[in-house]
Each structure stands twice: as C-alpha cells, then as structure tokens.
C-alpha cells in the first residue's frame, strides 16, 4: 500500500473517531435538552390556570386593560394598535425579579413620576393576587 493510501486510512480513522465523539456529545445535549423541556412543560402546565387567569385580567377593561396602551407581540390573540406604552415582550428578561415587575404594576410612578400608567395596586384597581396572576401571564411574553 502506498503512503497515500495509508494516509487516507489514518485520516479516515481520525475522522471516524471525531465523528463518534461529536455524535456522543450531540446525543448527550439532546437528552439533557429533552429533560429540560419536559420539566419546563410540566411547570408551564402547572401554571396554565394562573396564566389564563392573568391573561383575562390583563385584557379585561375594568381591570388591567393592558391592551389600551400596550402591544403583545407574543400573543397572536391580542389585537391592538396601542402604542402609548412599550410592547410587552421579553418581560422575563426585562424584569428578571418578579418584585421589580410587581412594583411597576403596583405603583409605576415610583420609577417614573411622569408615567400615564395607573398605579393599579396603590389605587386598588388590582389586588395583590390579581397582580401576581398578571405577572404569570406577562412572564410568558
């Protein structure tokens, strides 16, 4: 066998080894990802009633009425042309601590005295429990 043939065989063996290592790592990532998605789906399923209740409160005119000022790009059923407030998207990354968002909904004037957003909790428009439900919904956006 020529040196070229031996080099090809050697290269093929190295490539085969690298491919098998890569396949093993990919399989490990897929298994871990699958487990993570499964646990998240269970968590979302447990929160589903809260999310649905929060959505109803957020859209209800006599309660949150969020659609009057905000768009919900992540919710295809939220039909609005509102542009007074920022679009409610990536809420969990914008407010990683629930307490930040809770404070914003309770009395937004604390962080922005010139806001037109009503102080939902401070004025009794929403109860603490209702604010928590709306946060559950907003965290899906």
Protein backbone atom coordinates (compact mmCIF):
# COMPACT_ATOMS: atom_id res chain seq x y z
CA UNK A 1 0.00 0.00 0.00
CA UNK A 2 1.31 3.42 -0.87
CA UNK A 3 1.92 6.13 1.65
CA UNK A 4 -1.10 7.99 0.23
CA UNK A 5 -3.33 5.02 0.90
CA UNK A 6 -2.01 4.73 4.45
CA UNK A 7 -2.53 8.46 5.00
CA UNK A 8 -6.12 8.17 3.78
CA UNK A 9 -6.80 5.25 6.11
CA UNK A 10 -5.23 7.12 9.03
CA UNK A 11 -7.22 10.25 8.22
CA UNK A 12 -10.40 8.21 7.94
CA UNK A 13 -9.80 6.65 11.36
CA UNK A 14 -9.19 10.06 12.95
CA UNK A 15 -12.29 11.43 11.24
CA UNK A 16 -14.36 8.44 12.34
CA UNK A 17 -13.20 8.93 15.94
CA UNK A 18 -14.01 12.65 15.84
CA UNK A 19 -17.45 11.93 14.37
CA UNK A 20 -18.23 9.36 17.05
CA UNK A 21 -17.17 11.79 19.80
CA UNK A 22 -19.27 14.51 18.22
CA UNK A 23 -22.27 12.16 17.91
CA UNK A 24 -21.90 11.15 21.57
CA UNK A 25 -21.80 14.80 22.66
CA UNK A 26 -24.76 15.66 20.47
CA UNK A 27 -26.75 12.78 21.97
CA UNK A 28 -25.89 13.99 25.47
CA UNK A 29 -27.04 17.51 24.63
CA UNK A 30 -30.28 16.19 23.13
CA UNK A 31 -31.02 14.06 26.19
CA UNK A 32 -30.32 16.97 28.55
CA UNK A 33 -32.36 19.34 26.39
CA UNK A 34 -35.23 16.90 26.27
CA UNK A 35 -35.22 16.58 30.05
CA UNK A 36 -35.16 20.36 30.43
CA UNK A 37 -38.04 20.85 28.00
CA UNK A 38 -40.03 18.15 29.77
CA UNK A 39 -39.54 19.81 33.16
CA UNK A 40 -40.44 23.22 31.70
CA UNK A 41 -43.58 21.82 30.10
CA UNK A 42 -44.62 20.37 33.46
CA UNK A 43 -44.01 23.72 35.13
CA UNK A 44 -45.98 25.53 32.41
CA UNK A 45 -48.81 23.02 32.69
CA UNK A 46 -48.98 23.67 36.45
CA UNK A 47 -49.02 27.43 35.82
CA UNK A 48 -51.51 27.26 32.93
CA UNK A 49 -54.57 28.19 35.03
CA UNK A 50 -52.69 31.16 36.51
CA UNK A 51 -51.51 32.26 33.07
CA UNK A 52 -55.03 32.06 31.66
CA UNK A 53 -56.47 33.98 34.62
CA UNK A 54 -53.72 36.58 34.34
CA UNK A 55 -54.39 36.99 30.64
CA UNK A 56 -58.10 37.54 31.29
CA UNK A 57 -57.29 40.18 33.92
CA UNK A 58 -54.74 41.90 31.69
CA UNK A 59 -57.25 42.19 28.86
CA UNK A 60 -60.34 42.98 30.95
CA UNK A 61 -61.33 46.63 30.52
CA UNK A 62 -62.44 47.05 34.15
CA UNK A 63 -59.20 45.56 35.49
CA UNK A 64 -55.80 45.64 33.78
CA UNK A 65 -56.88 46.89 30.37
CA UNK A 66 -53.28 46.49 29.19
CA UNK A 67 -54.37 46.36 25.54
CA UNK A 68 -55.38 50.01 25.75
CA UNK A 69 -51.72 51.05 25.86
CA UNK A 70 -49.52 48.04 25.09
CA UNK A 71 -48.99 45.61 22.25
CA UNK A 72 -48.39 41.92 22.96
CA UNK A 73 -46.30 40.67 20.03
CA UNK A 74 -46.03 37.21 21.61
CA UNK A 75 -49.80 36.70 21.87
CA UNK A 76 -51.48 36.28 18.48
CA UNK A 77 -54.94 36.85 20.01
CA UNK A 78 -54.01 40.24 21.48
CA UNK A 79 -55.36 42.53 18.77
CA UNK A 80 -54.49 46.15 19.41
CA UNK A 81 -52.96 49.14 17.69
CA UNK A 82 -51.89 50.64 21.02
CA UNK A 83 -48.58 52.45 21.18
CA UNK A 84 -48.74 54.54 24.36
CA UNK A 85 -46.67 52.10 26.40
CA UNK A 86 -43.82 49.83 25.31
CA UNK A 87 -44.65 46.49 23.69
CA UNK A 88 -44.90 43.77 26.32
CA UNK A 89 -42.32 41.35 25.01
CA UNK A 90 -39.34 39.62 26.65
CA UNK A 91 -40.78 40.54 30.04
CA UNK A 92 -38.84 37.91 31.98
CA UNK A 93 -35.54 39.24 30.62
CA UNK A 94 -36.54 42.86 31.21
CA UNK A 95 -37.75 42.13 34.75
CA UNK A 96 -35.83 39.06 35.94
CA UNK A 97 -37.01 39.66 39.51
CA UNK A 98 -40.77 39.37 39.98
CA UNK A 99 -40.56 42.06 42.65
CA UNK A 100 -39.41 44.60 40.02
CA UNK A 101 -42.43 43.93 37.83
CA UNK A 102 -44.77 43.76 40.83
CA UNK A 103 -43.53 47.18 41.95
CA UNK A 104 -44.01 48.57 38.43
CA UNK A 105 -47.62 47.35 38.36
CA UNK A 106 -48.37 48.33 41.96
CA UNK A 107 -47.20 51.94 41.54
CA UNK A 108 -45.35 52.77 38.31
CA UNK A 109 -44.95 56.36 39.46
CA UNK A 110 -42.22 55.26 41.89
CA UNK A 111 -39.87 54.54 38.99
CA UNK A 112 -41.29 57.14 36.60
CA UNK A 113 -43.22 60.05 38.14
CA UNK A 114 -44.33 61.23 34.68
CA UNK A 115 -45.91 57.95 33.57
CA UNK A 116 -49.52 57.78 32.43
CA UNK A 117 -49.76 54.18 33.61
CA UNK A 118 -52.22 53.91 36.51
CA UNK A 119 -50.97 52.70 39.90
CA UNK A 120 -53.04 49.50 39.81
CA UNK A 121 -52.24 48.24 43.29
CA UNK A 122 -51.91 51.55 45.10
CA UNK A 123 -55.34 52.67 43.88
CA UNK A 124 -57.00 49.29 44.43
CA UNK A 125 -57.71 48.63 40.76
CA UNK A 126 -56.00 45.26 41.10
CA UNK A 127 -55.44 43.19 44.24
CA UNK A 128 -52.03 41.73 45.09
CA UNK A 129 -53.25 38.32 43.92
CA UNK A 130 -54.51 39.75 40.62
CA UNK A 131 -51.16 41.46 40.03
CA UNK A 132 -49.40 38.12 40.63
CA UNK A 133 -51.68 36.44 38.07
CA UNK A 134 -50.95 39.14 35.51
CA UNK A 135 -47.22 38.69 36.16
CA UNK A 136 -47.64 34.95 35.50
CA UNK A 137 -49.14 35.84 32.12
CA UNK A 138 -46.62 38.56 31.32
CA UNK A 139 -43.75 36.16 32.04
CA UNK A 140 -44.98 34.08 29.08
CA UNK A 141 -44.48 37.09 26.79
